[in-house]
């Protein structure tokens, strides 16, 4: 990575360039603001050394500094000036300069400041690279029909800049879907900034989003400014205060805003992805969400399926989390027994993927140190299957004649297995040890019918159309 030196005095910029080349740095030179901006746009440097006063230039050093901090906020800028005083130094620091050096400068001081600034630049680049390569936050895991449908939709929107609205139950993986879009887009190297609309205090929301300017602290960029060039993700956007909604709507329209306490317009290039567990049309009718903002955000709506809609993926997800906890925390890399897999697939998961992840972490921390994970190590039966209509063995069955009790058990058992295998009759039949045709007849005799959304236990009038077969 190079250092860009900008000074209207040829002797000064070449002297600094020679000093830094001797220190092993790659150096580029610019004598005016136009050349400076051309160099930055062609290849952003790792560090800038910038003179305050530039003769015969459209922009002075402070103007260039503002532009760089707006468009390339991670580039450290060292300000130099032969006319320096404390006021200029304070003004430069307030605008985001890394440090200030007065001419004539001490060579040792220059090298020390440059060394520190280059280390800052390196750490920032590494941080961005680590975020970009965070496979745990962007890796999509699964092979069920519901998962493949979701991934197909996500892949279609990765190459566009269209605004996406993700809907689904809490813990179903909406942020993971948003990160997948980001990491597979042409903005992957730029920031992904998550905004928790539900947890930021309403009175601080605008300051957090837009940043602020104060005499004491200067410019403090907000989350939108930090996301420049990348993606801003509004998590639970339905919880955003109404007053903030109107200002976000204006940002989406104009692509610019003003910091709290500031006067200058800040222009940003953002892709916006939102998520919600709320019924936003209902919130609009209740006057809690702006129709115009909904229309702006809901350009591409994508529904993220719950874990109960993709039970086939549960073993694969569990093994993924086992491997991730082993690599990231050094927890045991244990296998899953067949009984544990079956138990996980028949458990109720109101917390969806997040809950499954927590269960796996707890088992790895508290469970046995070696061998495969067994069903007995998993949470108790109160979390097992459920449609929410599971049988009560002691009460309901105990009061029924044998034939009715047997039918109730068979019906609940088969419904559980069908849901476990995602509605696949062939796989269900193989697991329970029945011929496929015999299973069809059994389900019909037990009054198990299907709808467009899958299986349910009801009595139908001659309906034996068991969809979702393969």
Protein backbone atom coordinates (compact mmCIF):
# COMPACT_ATOMS: atom_id res chain seq x y z
CA UNK A 1 0.00 0.00 0.00
CA UNK A 2 1.22 3.47 -0.90
CA UNK A 3 1.53 6.84 0.82
CA UNK A 4 0.19 9.85 -1.10
CA UNK A 5 2.08 13.10 -0.46
CA UNK A 6 0.21 16.29 -1.45
CA UNK A 7 2.14 19.60 -1.34
CA UNK A 8 2.32 22.51 -3.78
CA UNK A 9 6.06 22.93 -3.09
CA UNK A 10 7.94 20.44 -5.27
CA UNK A 11 11.05 20.42 -3.05
CA UNK A 12 9.01 19.59 0.06
CA UNK A 13 6.97 16.74 -1.45
CA UNK A 14 10.06 15.21 -3.06
CA UNK A 15 12.05 15.51 0.19
CA UNK A 16 9.30 13.74 2.15
CA UNK A 17 9.02 11.17 -0.63
CA UNK A 18 12.76 10.41 -0.54
CA UNK A 19 12.72 10.08 3.26
CA UNK A 20 9.83 7.63 3.20
CA UNK A 21 11.23 5.63 0.28
CA UNK A 22 14.40 5.16 2.32
CA UNK A 23 12.14 3.75 5.07
CA UNK A 24 10.78 1.19 2.59
CA UNK A 25 7.43 2.81 1.75
CA UNK A 26 5.86 3.07 -1.71
CA UNK A 27 5.25 6.77 -2.39
CA UNK A 28 3.07 8.79 -4.80
CA UNK A 29 3.17 12.58 -5.25
CA UNK A 30 0.59 15.25 -6.11
CA UNK A 31 1.11 19.02 -6.39
CA UNK A 32 -2.51 20.24 -6.46
CA UNK A 33 -6.03 19.21 -5.50
CA UNK A 34 -6.97 17.87 -8.96
CA UNK A 35 -3.94 15.58 -9.10
CA UNK A 36 -4.63 14.53 -5.51
CA UNK A 37 -8.23 13.50 -6.22
CA UNK A 38 -7.18 11.70 -9.41
CA UNK A 39 -4.67 9.63 -7.43
CA UNK A 40 -7.21 8.81 -4.72
CA UNK A 41 -9.91 7.79 -7.18
CA UNK A 42 -7.48 5.64 -9.17
CA UNK A 43 -6.19 3.77 -6.11
CA UNK A 44 -6.95 4.88 -2.55
CA UNK A 45 -3.68 5.12 -0.58
CA UNK A 46 -2.99 3.60 2.82
CA UNK A 47 -2.01 7.05 4.15
CA UNK A 48 -2.06 10.70 3.05
CA UNK A 49 0.35 13.48 3.99
CA UNK A 50 -1.51 16.65 3.08
CA UNK A 51 -0.45 20.32 3.03
CA UNK A 52 -3.06 22.80 4.29
CA UNK A 53 -2.23 25.54 1.77
CA UNK A 54 -2.25 24.53 -1.91
CA UNK A 55 -1.56 27.32 -4.40
CA UNK A 56 -3.47 27.36 -7.68
CA UNK A 57 -5.85 24.61 -6.51
CA UNK A 58 -9.65 24.42 -6.49
CA UNK A 59 -9.60 22.91 -2.98
CA UNK A 60 -7.40 23.60 0.02
CA UNK A 61 -6.17 20.94 2.43
CA UNK A 62 -9.21 21.14 4.74
CA UNK A 63 -11.59 20.73 1.76
CA UNK A 64 -9.63 17.68 0.58
CA UNK A 65 -9.62 16.29 4.13
CA UNK A 66 -13.41 16.61 4.36
CA UNK A 67 -13.85 14.83 1.02
CA UNK A 68 -11.47 12.01 1.93
CA UNK A 69 -13.10 11.47 5.33
CA UNK A 70 -16.51 11.35 3.62
CA UNK A 71 -15.62 8.97 0.79
CA UNK A 72 -12.68 7.02 2.27
CA UNK A 73 -13.01 7.36 6.04
CA UNK A 74 -10.43 4.65 6.80
CA UNK A 75 -7.52 6.54 5.20
CA UNK A 76 -5.45 8.27 7.93
CA UNK A 77 -4.51 11.85 6.94
CA UNK A 78 -1.50 13.68 8.39
CA UNK A 79 -1.76 17.46 7.93
CA UNK A 80 1.39 19.55 7.40
CA UNK A 81 1.66 23.33 7.15
CA UNK A 82 4.32 26.02 7.25
CA UNK A 83 1.75 28.46 8.58
CA UNK A 84 0.51 26.22 11.31
CA UNK A 85 -0.95 27.32 14.57
CA UNK A 86 -3.09 25.71 17.20
CA UNK A 87 -6.32 26.84 15.53
CA UNK A 88 -5.42 25.10 12.25
CA UNK A 89 -4.35 21.97 14.10
CA UNK A 90 -7.62 21.84 16.06
CA UNK A 91 -9.66 22.44 12.89
CA UNK A 92 -7.85 19.62 11.11
CA UNK A 93 -8.27 17.16 13.99
CA UNK A 94 -11.97 18.03 14.22
CA UNK A 95 -12.38 17.17 10.55
CA UNK A 96 -10.85 13.75 11.13
CA UNK A 97 -7.10 14.26 10.58
CA UNK A 98 -4.87 11.63 12.20
CA UNK A 99 -2.22 14.14 13.29
CA UNK A 100 -0.71 17.56 12.53
CA UNK A 101 2.95 18.37 11.80
CA UNK A 102 4.28 21.92 11.42
CA UNK A 103 6.94 22.91 8.86
CA UNK A 104 9.88 22.89 9.08
CA UNK A 105 9.41 19.37 10.43
CA UNK A 106 11.73 17.09 12.31
CA UNK A 107 12.53 13.99 10.25
CA UNK A 108 12.44 11.65 13.25
CA UNK A 109 9.08 13.05 14.29
CA UNK A 110 7.74 12.57 10.74
CA UNK A 111 8.86 8.94 10.64
CA UNK A 112 7.32 8.19 14.04
CA UNK A 113 3.94 9.70 13.08
CA UNK A 114 3.94 7.96 9.67
CA UNK A 115 4.81 4.61 11.27
CA UNK A 116 1.93 4.91 13.74
CA UNK A 117 -0.51 6.04 11.04
CA UNK A 118 0.47 3.15 8.73
CA UNK A 119 -0.11 0.70 11.59
CA UNK A 120 -3.55 2.23 12.12
CA UNK A 121 -4.26 1.86 8.41
CA UNK A 122 -3.14 -1.79 8.45
CA UNK A 123 -5.33 -2.64 11.43
CA UNK A 124 -8.36 -1.04 9.78
CA UNK A 125 -7.80 -3.04 6.58
CA UNK A 126 -7.39 -6.25 8.55
CA UNK A 127 -10.56 -5.54 10.50
CA UNK A 128 -12.53 -5.05 7.30
CA UNK A 129 -11.04 -8.23 5.83
CA UNK A 130 -11.92 -10.23 8.92
CA UNK A 131 -15.49 -8.95 8.79
CA UNK A 132 -15.67 -9.82 5.11
CA UNK A 133 -14.39 -13.33 5.73
CA UNK A 134 -16.62 -13.99 8.73
CA UNK A 135 -18.06 -17.22 7.38
CA UNK A 136 -20.20 -17.80 10.44
CA UNK A 137 -22.24 -14.70 9.64
CA UNK A 138 -22.69 -15.27 5.90
CA UNK A 139 -22.52 -19.01 5.29
CA UNK A 140 -25.86 -20.49 4.33
CA UNK A 141 -26.38 -24.09 5.45
CA UNK A 142 -29.12 -26.47 4.32
CA UNK A 143 -30.47 -28.68 1.54
CA UNK A 144 -34.25 -28.70 2.09
CA UNK A 145 -36.65 -27.39 -0.53
CA UNK A 146 -37.51 -24.42 1.67
CA UNK A 147 -33.82 -23.55 2.10
CA UNK A 148 -33.05 -23.93 -1.61
CA UNK A 149 -35.95 -21.64 -2.45
CA UNK A 150 -34.64 -19.00 -0.04
CA UNK A 151 -31.08 -19.22 -1.33
CA UNK A 152 -32.24 -18.97 -4.93
CA UNK A 153 -34.07 -15.73 -4.11
CA UNK A 154 -31.07 -14.31 -2.26
CA UNK A 155 -28.69 -15.12 -5.11
CA UNK A 156 -30.92 -13.27 -7.56
CA UNK A 157 -30.61 -10.01 -5.60
CA UNK A 158 -26.87 -10.12 -4.80
CA UNK A 159 -25.77 -8.40 -8.00
CA UNK A 160 -28.29 -5.58 -7.89
CA UNK A 161 -28.61 -2.60 -5.59
CA UNK A 162 -32.33 -3.16 -5.02
CA UNK A 163 -33.65 -2.67 -1.48
CA UNK A 164 -34.61 -5.94 0.17
CA UNK A 165 -37.15 -6.52 2.95
CA UNK A 166 -36.62 -9.79 4.86
CA UNK A 167 -39.54 -11.12 6.89
CA UNK A 168 -39.70 -14.09 9.24
CA UNK A 169 -39.87 -15.30 12.81
CA UNK A 170 -37.29 -14.21 15.43
CA UNK A 171 -34.09 -16.23 15.13
CA UNK A 172 -34.90 -17.60 11.66
CA UNK A 173 -31.71 -16.18 10.12
CA UNK A 174 -32.73 -12.85 8.61
CA UNK A 175 -29.42 -11.14 9.43
CA UNK A 176 -27.52 -14.15 8.06
CA UNK A 177 -29.52 -13.76 4.83
CA UNK A 178 -28.65 -10.05 4.72
CA UNK A 179 -24.95 -10.81 5.22
CA UNK A 180 -25.13 -13.45 2.47
CA UNK A 181 -26.42 -10.79 0.06
CA UNK A 182 -23.63 -8.42 1.10
CA UNK A 183 -20.78 -10.95 0.97
CA UNK A 184 -21.78 -12.10 -2.53
CA UNK A 185 -22.31 -8.61 -3.96
CA UNK A 186 -19.98 -6.10 -5.56
CA UNK A 187 -20.00 -4.29 -2.18
CA UNK A 188 -18.44 -7.23 -0.31
CA UNK A 189 -15.21 -5.35 0.44
CA UNK A 190 -17.15 -2.37 1.86
CA UNK A 191 -18.73 -2.19 5.33
CA UNK A 192 -21.83 -4.06 6.49
CA UNK A 193 -23.37 -1.94 9.23
CA UNK A 194 -26.21 -3.37 11.31
CA UNK A 195 -28.67 -0.93 12.91
CA UNK A 196 -30.72 -2.38 15.74
CA UNK A 197 -33.91 -0.36 15.43
CA UNK A 198 -35.39 -2.05 18.51
CA UNK A 199 -32.53 -1.47 20.97
CA UNK A 200 -31.33 2.06 20.18
CA UNK A 201 -33.06 4.57 22.45
CA UNK A 202 -35.50 6.68 20.38
CA UNK A 203 -34.03 9.97 21.61
CA UNK A 204 -30.55 8.85 20.42
CA UNK A 205 -31.60 7.23 17.13
CA UNK A 206 -30.89 10.23 14.89
CA UNK A 207 -27.51 10.93 16.51
CA UNK A 208 -26.53 7.27 16.16
CA UNK A 209 -27.59 7.15 12.51
CA UNK A 210 -26.46 10.55 11.27
CA UNK A 211 -23.56 11.35 13.63
CA UNK A 212 -22.91 14.71 15.26
CA UNK A 213 -20.62 17.72 15.25
CA UNK A 214 -19.63 19.49 18.47
CA UNK A 215 -17.04 22.18 19.23
CA UNK A 216 -15.26 19.94 21.72
CA UNK A 217 -15.18 16.64 19.84
CA UNK A 218 -15.47 17.74 16.22
CA UNK A 219 -17.01 15.30 13.73
CA UNK A 220 -18.32 11.97 15.01
CA UNK A 221 -19.60 9.90 12.07
CA UNK A 222 -22.89 8.04 12.50
CA UNK A 223 -23.73 4.54 11.31
CA UNK A 224 -24.93 5.68 7.88
CA UNK A 225 -21.65 7.48 7.25
CA UNK A 226 -19.71 4.42 8.41
CA UNK A 227 -21.67 2.28 5.91
CA UNK A 228 -20.73 4.52 2.95
CA UNK A 229 -20.08 2.36 -0.12
CA UNK A 230 -21.51 -0.74 1.55
CA UNK A 231 -24.71 -2.02 3.12
CA UNK A 232 -26.78 -0.69 6.00
CA UNK A 233 -29.04 -3.33 7.57
CA UNK A 234 -32.06 -2.09 9.52
CA UNK A 235 -32.86 -4.94 11.92
CA UNK A 236 -36.49 -4.87 13.14
CA UNK A 237 -37.21 -1.74 11.13
CA UNK A 238 -40.81 -1.82 12.38
CA UNK A 239 -39.53 -0.62 15.77
CA UNK A 240 -37.99 2.56 14.34
CA UNK A 241 -39.52 5.77 15.85
CA UNK A 242 -41.91 7.63 13.54
CA UNK A 243 -39.81 10.79 13.63
CA UNK A 244 -36.73 8.89 12.52
CA UNK A 245 -38.72 7.12 9.81
CA UNK A 246 -39.41 10.41 8.05
CA UNK A 247 -35.72 11.35 8.11
CA UNK A 248 -34.63 7.94 6.85
CA UNK A 249 -37.15 8.33 4.03
CA UNK A 250 -35.47 11.60 3.09
CA UNK A 251 -32.02 9.94 3.15
CA UNK A 252 -33.26 7.19 0.83
CA UNK A 253 -34.65 9.82 -1.53
CA UNK A 254 -31.73 12.27 -1.51
CA UNK A 255 -28.80 9.97 -0.56
CA UNK A 256 -27.56 12.69 1.81
CA UNK A 257 -28.17 14.05 5.31
CA UNK A 258 -26.89 16.54 7.88
CA UNK A 259 -25.16 15.50 11.11
CA UNK A 260 -26.70 16.61 14.40
CA UNK A 261 -25.23 20.02 15.21
CA UNK A 262 -23.73 20.36 11.73
CA UNK A 263 -24.53 22.39 8.64
CA UNK A 264 -22.79 20.54 5.78
CA UNK A 265 -24.61 17.92 3.74
CA UNK A 266 -23.05 14.44 3.94
CA UNK A 267 -23.53 12.38 0.78
CA UNK A 268 -23.59 8.58 1.09
CA UNK A 269 -23.75 5.64 -1.29
CA UNK A 270 -25.68 2.87 0.46
CA UNK A 271 -27.55 -0.32 -0.23
CA UNK A 272 -30.36 -0.80 2.26
CA UNK A 273 -31.58 -4.17 3.55
CA UNK A 274 -34.31 -4.32 6.20
CA UNK A 275 -35.90 -7.02 8.30
CA UNK A 276 -38.97 -7.33 10.47
CA UNK A 277 -41.00 -9.83 12.45
CA UNK A 278 -43.94 -7.42 12.50
CA UNK A 279 -46.92 -7.17 10.17
CA UNK A 280 -45.90 -3.85 8.63
CA UNK A 281 -49.13 -3.35 6.64
CA UNK A 282 -50.95 -3.71 9.97
CA UNK A 283 -48.53 -1.25 11.59
CA UNK A 284 -49.24 1.19 8.75
CA UNK A 285 -53.00 0.91 9.34
CA UNK A 286 -52.40 1.53 13.03
CA UNK A 287 -50.41 4.68 12.24
CA UNK A 288 -47.12 3.31 13.62
CA UNK A 289 -45.24 2.95 10.34
CA UNK A 290 -45.04 5.26 7.33
CA UNK A 291 -46.50 3.93 4.09
CA UNK A 292 -43.94 5.87 2.03
CA UNK A 293 -41.01 4.31 3.88
CA UNK A 294 -42.51 0.84 3.54
CA UNK A 295 -42.84 1.36 -0.22
CA UNK A 296 -39.20 2.46 -0.41
CA UNK A 297 -37.85 -0.47 1.62
CA UNK A 298 -40.11 -3.25 0.33
CA UNK A 299 -38.80 -3.29 -3.24
CA UNK A 300 -37.82 -6.97 -3.09
CA UNK A 301 -39.70 -8.84 -0.32
CA UNK A 302 -38.16 -12.17 0.75
CA UNK A 303 -39.69 -14.44 3.38
CA UNK A 304 -37.16 -16.36 5.50
CA UNK A 305 -38.63 -19.77 6.50
CA UNK A 306 -38.82 -20.85 10.13
CA UNK A 307 -36.84 -23.86 11.32
CA UNK A 308 -40.05 -25.90 11.54
CA UNK A 309 -40.46 -25.37 7.79
CA UNK A 310 -37.01 -26.86 7.12
CA UNK A 311 -36.65 -29.67 9.65
CA UNK A 312 -34.60 -31.70 7.17
CA UNK A 313 -31.80 -29.13 7.63
CA UNK A 314 -31.58 -29.49 11.41
CA UNK A 315 -28.88 -32.23 11.51
CA UNK A 316 -26.76 -30.35 8.97
CA UNK A 317 -27.16 -27.10 10.89
CA UNK A 318 -26.31 -28.82 14.17
CA UNK A 319 -23.10 -30.28 12.69
CA UNK A 320 -22.24 -26.84 11.27
CA UNK A 321 -22.57 -25.27 14.72
CA UNK A 322 -20.53 -28.07 16.34
CA UNK A 323 -17.73 -27.42 13.85
CA UNK A 324 -17.97 -23.64 14.30
CA UNK A 325 -17.81 -23.82 18.11
CA UNK A 326 -14.87 -26.22 17.84
CA UNK A 327 -12.94 -23.83 15.59
CA UNK A 328 -13.88 -20.58 17.32
CA UNK A 329 -13.99 -21.63 21.00
CA UNK A 330 -12.12 -24.92 21.15
CA UNK A 331 -15.20 -26.87 22.27
CA UNK A 332 -15.23 -30.63 21.59
CA UNK A 333 -15.78 -31.65 17.96
CA UNK A 334 -18.41 -34.28 18.71
CA UNK A 335 -20.53 -36.26 16.29
CA UNK A 336 -24.34 -36.57 16.48
CA UNK A 337 -25.89 -39.94 17.21
CA UNK A 338 -28.79 -41.06 15.05
CA UNK A 339 -31.11 -40.82 18.05
CA UNK A 340 -29.93 -37.26 18.78
CA UNK A 341 -30.55 -36.25 15.16
CA UNK A 342 -34.09 -37.67 15.30
CA UNK A 343 -34.75 -35.94 18.63
CA UNK A 344 -33.53 -32.57 17.34
CA UNK A 345 -35.82 -32.90 14.33
CA UNK A 346 -38.87 -33.56 16.47
CA UNK A 347 -38.28 -30.77 19.00
CA UNK A 348 -40.20 -27.52 18.97
CA UNK A 349 -38.06 -24.57 17.91
CA UNK A 350 -39.89 -21.31 18.68
CA UNK A 351 -36.49 -19.56 18.70
CA UNK A 352 -35.58 -21.12 15.35
CA UNK A 353 -31.91 -21.29 14.25
CA UNK A 354 -30.75 -19.07 17.11
CA UNK A 355 -32.29 -21.48 19.62
CA UNK A 356 -30.71 -24.51 17.91
CA UNK A 357 -27.33 -22.79 18.02
CA UNK A 358 -27.73 -22.11 21.75
CA UNK A 359 -28.76 -25.73 22.44
CA UNK A 360 -25.67 -27.06 20.62
CA UNK A 361 -23.39 -24.66 22.50
CA UNK A 362 -24.89 -25.66 25.84
CA UNK A 363 -24.50 -29.38 25.09
CA UNK A 364 -20.87 -28.92 24.04
CA UNK A 365 -20.08 -26.94 27.20
CA UNK A 366 -21.98 -29.03 29.76
CA UNK A 367 -22.19 -32.42 28.07
CA UNK A 368 -19.81 -35.35 27.98
CA UNK A 369 -16.35 -34.60 26.67
CA UNK A 370 -16.05 -37.44 24.18
CA UNK A 371 -18.17 -39.59 21.92
CA UNK A 372 -21.24 -38.71 19.95
CA UNK A 373 -23.93 -36.45 21.35
CA UNK A 374 -26.78 -38.63 22.64
CA UNK A 375 -30.48 -37.80 22.85
CA UNK A 376 -30.36 -37.84 26.65
CA UNK A 377 -28.06 -34.77 26.61
CA UNK A 378 -30.64 -32.64 24.80
CA UNK A 379 -33.31 -30.51 26.51
CA UNK A 380 -36.25 -32.30 28.11
CA UNK A 381 -39.47 -33.47 26.50
CA UNK A 382 -41.24 -30.18 27.08
CA UNK A 383 -39.37 -28.92 23.99
CA UNK A 384 -40.07 -31.95 21.85
CA UNK A 385 -42.28 -31.81 18.86
CA UNK A 386 -44.73 -29.93 18.43
CA UNK A 387 -47.30 -28.63 16.55
CA UNK A 388 -48.41 -27.44 19.96
CA UNK A 389 -50.97 -30.24 19.88
CA UNK A 390 -48.87 -33.11 21.22
CA UNK A 391 -50.62 -35.85 23.22
CA UNK A 392 -50.83 -35.96 26.97
CA UNK A 393 -50.06 -39.59 27.76
CA UNK A 394 -51.28 -39.62 31.33
CA UNK A 395 -54.57 -37.82 30.79
CA UNK A 396 -55.97 -37.92 27.27
CA UNK A 397 -54.93 -41.43 26.28
CA UNK A 398 -55.70 -42.94 29.65
CA UNK A 399 -59.39 -42.07 29.27
CA UNK A 400 -59.74 -43.57 25.74
CA UNK A 401 -60.58 -47.11 24.63
CA UNK A 402 -57.57 -49.03 23.28
CA UNK A 403 -58.49 -48.60 19.60
CA UNK A 404 -58.94 -44.84 19.87
CA UNK A 405 -55.78 -44.46 21.95
CA UNK A 406 -53.82 -46.43 19.36
CA UNK A 407 -55.20 -44.31 16.52
CA UNK A 408 -54.35 -41.11 18.39
CA UNK A 409 -50.81 -42.32 19.00
CA UNK A 410 -50.34 -43.39 15.36
CA UNK A 411 -51.71 -40.10 14.09
CA UNK A 412 -49.42 -37.99 16.29
CA UNK A 413 -46.43 -40.21 15.61
CA UNK A 414 -46.85 -40.12 11.83
CA UNK A 415 -47.50 -36.38 11.80
CA UNK A 416 -44.27 -35.89 13.75
CA UNK A 417 -42.27 -38.02 11.30
CA UNK A 418 -43.80 -36.34 8.24
CA UNK A 419 -42.91 -32.91 9.63
CA UNK A 420 -39.45 -34.19 10.50
CA UNK A 421 -38.83 -35.16 6.87
CA UNK A 422 -40.32 -31.97 5.46
CA UNK A 423 -43.42 -33.63 4.00
CA UNK A 424 -41.44 -36.26 2.05
CA UNK A 425 -43.64 -39.37 2.09
CA UNK A 426 -41.01 -41.69 0.63
CA UNK A 427 -38.45 -40.85 3.32
CA UNK A 428 -41.08 -41.02 6.04
CA UNK A 429 -42.21 -44.46 4.84
CA UNK A 430 -38.62 -45.71 4.80
CA UNK A 431 -38.00 -44.50 8.34
CA UNK A 432 -41.20 -45.92 9.88
CA UNK A 433 -40.83 -49.21 8.01
CA UNK A 434 -43.91 -49.07 5.77
CA UNK A 435 -44.50 -49.27 2.05
CA UNK A 436 -45.26 -45.88 0.55
CA UNK A 437 -48.71 -46.91 -0.63
CA UNK A 438 -49.48 -48.42 2.78
CA UNK A 439 -48.47 -45.17 4.46
CA UNK A 440 -50.80 -43.24 2.16
CA UNK A 441 -53.69 -45.52 3.16
CA UNK A 442 -52.82 -45.30 6.84
CA UNK A 443 -52.72 -41.49 6.76
CA UNK A 444 -56.05 -41.35 4.98
CA UNK A 445 -57.63 -43.71 7.50
CA UNK A 446 -56.35 -41.54 10.36
CA UNK A 447 -57.83 -38.39 8.82
CA UNK A 448 -54.51 -36.73 7.99
CA UNK A 449 -54.96 -34.37 5.06
CA UNK A 450 -52.81 -31.76 3.41
CA UNK A 451 -53.08 -28.18 2.31
CA UNK A 452 -50.83 -25.98 0.22
CA UNK A 453 -48.80 -25.33 3.38
CA UNK A 454 -48.18 -28.96 4.34
CA UNK A 455 -49.70 -31.64 6.60
CA UNK A 456 -52.20 -31.18 9.33
CA UNK A 457 -54.27 -33.47 11.44
CA UNK A 458 -57.88 -32.94 10.42
CA UNK A 459 -60.67 -35.06 9.09
CA UNK A 460 -61.21 -34.49 5.36
CA UNK A 461 -63.97 -35.54 3.04
CA UNK A 462 -62.23 -38.04 0.79
CA UNK A 463 -59.06 -35.87 0.42
CA UNK A 464 -56.03 -38.10 -0.08
CA UNK A 465 -53.85 -35.62 -1.96
CA UNK A 466 -50.66 -35.82 0.10
CA UNK A 467 -48.47 -33.13 -1.43
CA UNK A 468 -44.78 -32.43 -0.82
CA UNK A 469 -43.99 -36.02 -1.73
CA UNK A 470 -40.53 -35.70 -3.19
